[in-house]
């Protein structure tokens, strides 16, 4: 009798578990998959940039996760050369490049931290920030202007970064236009003076065309 009662109780418990599983199974499975994906995300996060919290997380508000923004007003850091990022952070810190936002942030960084940030962003995969609306005539004009002024000599064959120039391909159109205009007006300069000389003769329409063309280029990975 006791054995029959035990078996009956076990059967009822099993049936109850099966019923709960049948009713909540999809939710339990979804929860398991979510937690597994989260574990994989954090494993990748720590492998890529070290233990949480990572210093570069503070940069994501403007420059996007892993240095790839979704706002065309901010520069993409992903895929830039470490030497270029390091030089720009040092320029902000020393006040030779001006930005109300970046100067105090860069000034608070040690040389070791600047180097670590530069190396982190350099190894991230770059993408197009915001593909501009199609305009074949504007794109063709920008492409011709880039070719005529030998932009690839400094910025690489695909404008994805060269020995002395940063990655331009895929940067936000608004950011590119702002920087080109700053070089033209002398509000920004580069050590060689090449950008100031190049942009000095460009009309506002040519600046627009260049920014449009370059923003639509898919950056290549090194």
Protein backbone atom coordinates (compact mmCIF):
# COMPACT_ATOMS: atom_id res chain seq x y z
CA UNK A 1 0.00 0.00 0.00
CA UNK A 2 2.78 2.38 0.95
CA UNK A 3 4.65 1.51 -2.21
CA UNK A 4 1.53 2.13 -4.31
CA UNK A 5 1.04 5.49 -2.58
CA UNK A 6 4.69 6.41 -3.20
CA UNK A 7 4.48 5.45 -6.85
CA UNK A 8 1.23 7.35 -7.24
CA UNK A 9 2.77 10.42 -5.61
CA UNK A 10 5.83 10.20 -7.82
CA UNK A 11 3.64 9.91 -10.89
CA UNK A 12 1.61 12.94 -9.86
CA UNK A 13 4.79 14.94 -9.19
CA UNK A 14 6.19 13.98 -12.58
CA UNK A 15 2.94 14.89 -14.25
CA UNK A 16 2.92 18.21 -12.44
CA UNK A 17 6.50 18.96 -13.52
CA UNK A 18 5.66 18.05 -17.08
CA UNK A 19 2.66 20.35 -16.95
CA UNK A 20 4.73 23.23 -15.56
CA UNK A 21 7.41 22.59 -18.16
CA UNK A 22 4.87 22.48 -20.96
CA UNK A 23 3.31 25.74 -19.77
CA UNK A 24 6.50 27.65 -18.89
CA UNK A 25 8.96 25.78 -21.12
CA UNK A 26 9.25 28.44 -23.87
CA UNK A 27 9.83 31.15 -21.25
CA UNK A 28 12.44 29.06 -19.44
CA UNK A 29 14.21 28.31 -22.72
CA UNK A 30 14.17 31.97 -23.74
CA UNK A 31 15.57 32.93 -20.33
CA UNK A 32 18.34 30.36 -20.66
CA UNK A 33 19.25 31.61 -24.12
CA UNK A 34 19.29 35.22 -22.90
CA UNK A 35 21.60 34.39 -19.96
CA UNK A 36 23.87 32.38 -22.26
CA UNK A 37 24.06 35.28 -24.72
CA UNK A 38 24.80 37.66 -21.84
CA UNK A 39 27.62 35.42 -20.61
CA UNK A 40 29.09 35.32 -24.11
CA UNK A 41 28.81 39.11 -24.42
CA UNK A 42 30.70 39.73 -21.19
CA UNK A 43 33.33 37.13 -22.06
CA UNK A 44 33.91 38.91 -25.39
CA UNK A 45 33.83 42.31 -23.63
CA UNK A 46 36.56 41.31 -21.15
CA UNK A 47 38.68 39.57 -23.78
CA UNK A 48 38.56 42.67 -25.97
CA UNK A 49 39.14 45.38 -23.38
CA UNK A 50 39.85 43.93 -19.94
CA UNK A 51 37.81 43.55 -16.79
CA UNK A 52 34.79 45.74 -16.08
CA UNK A 53 34.65 48.70 -15.69
CA UNK A 54 36.74 49.61 -18.71
CA UNK A 55 38.02 53.20 -19.13
CA UNK A 56 36.89 53.31 -22.77
CA UNK A 57 33.27 52.83 -21.69
CA UNK A 58 33.23 56.52 -20.77
CA UNK A 59 33.97 57.34 -24.43
CA UNK A 60 30.92 55.46 -25.73
CA UNK A 61 28.45 58.27 -24.97
CA UNK A 62 29.82 60.30 -27.89
CA UNK A 63 31.99 57.88 -29.86
CA UNK A 64 29.71 54.84 -29.65
CA UNK A 65 30.27 51.32 -28.41
CA UNK A 66 33.79 50.19 -29.34
CA UNK A 67 34.40 53.56 -30.98
CA UNK A 68 31.73 53.35 -33.67
CA UNK A 69 29.13 56.14 -33.18
CA UNK A 70 25.61 56.30 -34.58
CA UNK A 71 25.65 60.10 -34.57
CA UNK A 72 27.29 61.72 -37.60
CA UNK A 73 28.48 64.67 -35.50
CA UNK A 74 31.05 62.56 -33.65
CA UNK A 75 34.19 60.95 -35.08
CA UNK A 76 34.52 57.19 -35.29
CA UNK A 77 37.59 55.93 -33.45
CA UNK A 78 37.22 52.29 -34.46
CA UNK A 79 39.96 51.24 -36.84
CA UNK A 80 41.98 54.44 -36.55
CA UNK A 81 45.71 53.90 -36.16
CA UNK A 82 46.89 53.85 -32.57
CA UNK A 83 49.57 56.44 -33.36
CA UNK A 84 46.98 58.89 -34.70
CA UNK A 85 44.59 58.49 -31.75
CA UNK A 86 47.47 58.84 -29.32
CA UNK A 87 48.69 62.01 -31.05
CA UNK A 88 45.22 63.58 -30.99
CA UNK A 89 44.62 62.81 -27.32
CA UNK A 90 47.99 64.34 -26.49
CA UNK A 91 47.16 67.39 -28.62
CA UNK A 92 43.87 67.84 -26.73
CA UNK A 93 45.67 67.39 -23.40
CA UNK A 94 48.32 69.98 -24.31
CA UNK A 95 45.81 72.43 -25.77
CA UNK A 96 47.24 72.40 -29.29
CA UNK A 97 43.95 70.98 -30.56
CA UNK A 98 40.88 72.66 -29.17
CA UNK A 99 37.64 71.14 -27.94
CA UNK A 100 35.68 72.21 -24.89
CA UNK A 101 34.66 68.59 -24.33
CA UNK A 102 37.89 66.76 -25.10
CA UNK A 103 40.52 69.02 -23.53
CA UNK A 104 39.62 68.42 -19.86
CA UNK A 105 39.04 64.71 -20.48
CA UNK A 106 42.37 64.21 -22.24
CA UNK A 107 44.24 66.35 -19.70
CA UNK A 108 43.14 63.96 -16.95
CA UNK A 109 44.67 60.93 -18.72
CA UNK A 110 48.14 59.59 -18.04
CA UNK A 111 50.44 58.76 -20.94
CA UNK A 112 49.92 55.05 -20.18
CA UNK A 113 46.13 55.44 -20.27
CA UNK A 114 46.30 57.38 -23.55
CA UNK A 115 48.40 54.60 -25.08
CA UNK A 116 46.02 51.90 -23.83
CA UNK A 117 42.96 53.72 -25.19
CA UNK A 118 44.63 54.27 -28.56
CA UNK A 119 45.53 50.59 -28.88
CA UNK A 120 42.02 49.51 -27.86
CA UNK A 121 40.22 51.64 -30.44
CA UNK A 122 42.75 50.81 -33.17
CA UNK A 123 41.86 47.12 -33.03
CA UNK A 124 38.09 47.63 -33.26
CA UNK A 125 36.28 46.92 -36.53
CA UNK A 126 35.24 50.14 -38.37
CA UNK A 127 31.92 50.64 -40.15
CA UNK A 128 30.12 53.42 -42.02
CA UNK A 129 28.71 55.84 -39.44
CA UNK A 130 25.76 57.05 -41.49
CA UNK A 131 25.40 56.45 -45.20
CA UNK A 132 24.35 59.77 -46.79
CA UNK A 133 21.27 59.90 -49.04
CA UNK A 134 22.12 58.84 -52.62
CA UNK A 135 23.23 61.71 -54.85
CA UNK A 136 25.23 60.48 -57.81
CA UNK A 137 26.23 63.93 -59.03
CA UNK A 138 27.46 65.06 -55.60
CA UNK A 139 29.30 61.80 -55.04
CA UNK A 140 31.03 62.02 -58.44
CA UNK A 141 32.10 65.59 -57.74
CA UNK A 142 33.50 64.60 -54.36
CA UNK A 143 35.34 61.63 -55.82
CA UNK A 144 36.89 63.81 -58.51
CA UNK A 145 37.95 66.38 -55.92
CA UNK A 146 39.56 63.71 -53.71
CA UNK A 147 41.47 62.32 -56.71
CA UNK A 148 42.60 65.75 -57.91
CA UNK A 149 43.99 66.65 -54.50
CA UNK A 150 45.74 63.34 -53.90
CA UNK A 151 43.92 62.51 -50.67
CA UNK A 152 45.04 58.88 -50.91
CA UNK A 153 48.70 59.87 -50.54
CA UNK A 154 48.17 60.57 -46.84
CA UNK A 155 44.92 58.77 -46.06
CA UNK A 156 45.51 55.50 -47.90
CA UNK A 157 44.20 53.99 -51.10
CA UNK A 158 40.66 53.58 -49.78
CA UNK A 159 40.89 56.58 -47.43
CA UNK A 160 40.83 54.07 -44.55
CA UNK A 161 44.03 55.45 -43.05
CA UNK A 162 47.60 55.75 -44.27
CA UNK A 163 51.10 56.19 -42.87
CA UNK A 164 50.50 59.82 -41.89
CA UNK A 165 46.76 60.37 -42.25
CA UNK A 166 43.74 59.10 -40.29
CA UNK A 167 40.84 57.01 -41.53
CA UNK A 168 38.29 59.19 -43.32
CA UNK A 169 36.18 56.51 -45.03
CA UNK A 170 32.82 56.03 -43.35
CA UNK A 171 33.14 58.95 -40.95
CA UNK A 172 29.92 60.90 -40.39
CA UNK A 173 29.15 63.43 -43.10
CA UNK A 174 28.43 66.20 -40.58
CA UNK A 175 31.72 65.54 -38.77
CA UNK A 176 33.73 65.47 -42.01
CA UNK A 177 32.22 68.74 -43.20
CA UNK A 178 32.87 70.41 -39.84
CA UNK A 179 36.54 69.35 -39.85
CA UNK A 180 37.14 70.32 -43.48
CA UNK A 181 35.64 73.74 -42.79
CA UNK A 182 37.78 74.09 -39.64
CA UNK A 183 40.95 73.40 -41.64
CA UNK A 184 39.86 75.87 -44.33
CA UNK A 185 39.24 78.65 -41.80
CA UNK A 186 42.41 77.96 -39.83
CA UNK A 187 40.48 76.85 -36.75
CA UNK A 188 42.29 73.52 -36.94
CA UNK A 189 45.73 72.71 -38.27
CA UNK A 190 47.85 69.63 -38.83
CA UNK A 191 51.61 69.42 -38.21
CA UNK A 192 52.49 69.40 -41.91
CA UNK A 193 50.03 72.14 -42.87
CA UNK A 194 48.86 69.99 -45.79
CA UNK A 195 45.19 70.00 -44.78
CA UNK A 196 45.11 73.78 -44.42
CA UNK A 197 46.72 74.24 -47.81
CA UNK A 198 44.43 71.69 -49.46
CA UNK A 199 41.18 73.06 -48.08
CA UNK A 200 42.10 76.73 -48.55
CA UNK A 201 41.20 76.63 -52.23
CA UNK A 202 38.02 74.57 -51.87
CA UNK A 203 34.62 76.21 -52.22
CA UNK A 204 31.80 75.47 -49.80
CA UNK A 205 30.18 73.34 -52.52
CA UNK A 206 33.38 71.30 -52.93
CA UNK A 207 33.58 70.77 -49.17
CA UNK A 208 30.01 69.48 -49.23
CA UNK A 209 30.80 67.12 -52.11
CA UNK A 210 33.93 65.76 -50.46
CA UNK A 211 32.14 65.11 -47.16
CA UNK A 212 29.30 63.37 -48.98
CA UNK A 213 31.63 61.14 -51.01
CA UNK A 214 33.92 60.14 -48.13
CA UNK A 215 31.04 59.48 -45.70
CA UNK A 216 29.65 56.85 -48.08
CA UNK A 217 32.91 54.90 -48.42
CA UNK A 218 33.06 51.57 -46.61
CA UNK A 219 36.23 51.54 -44.49
CA UNK A 220 38.58 48.64 -45.00
CA UNK A 221 40.09 46.72 -42.10
CA UNK A 222 43.80 46.34 -41.67
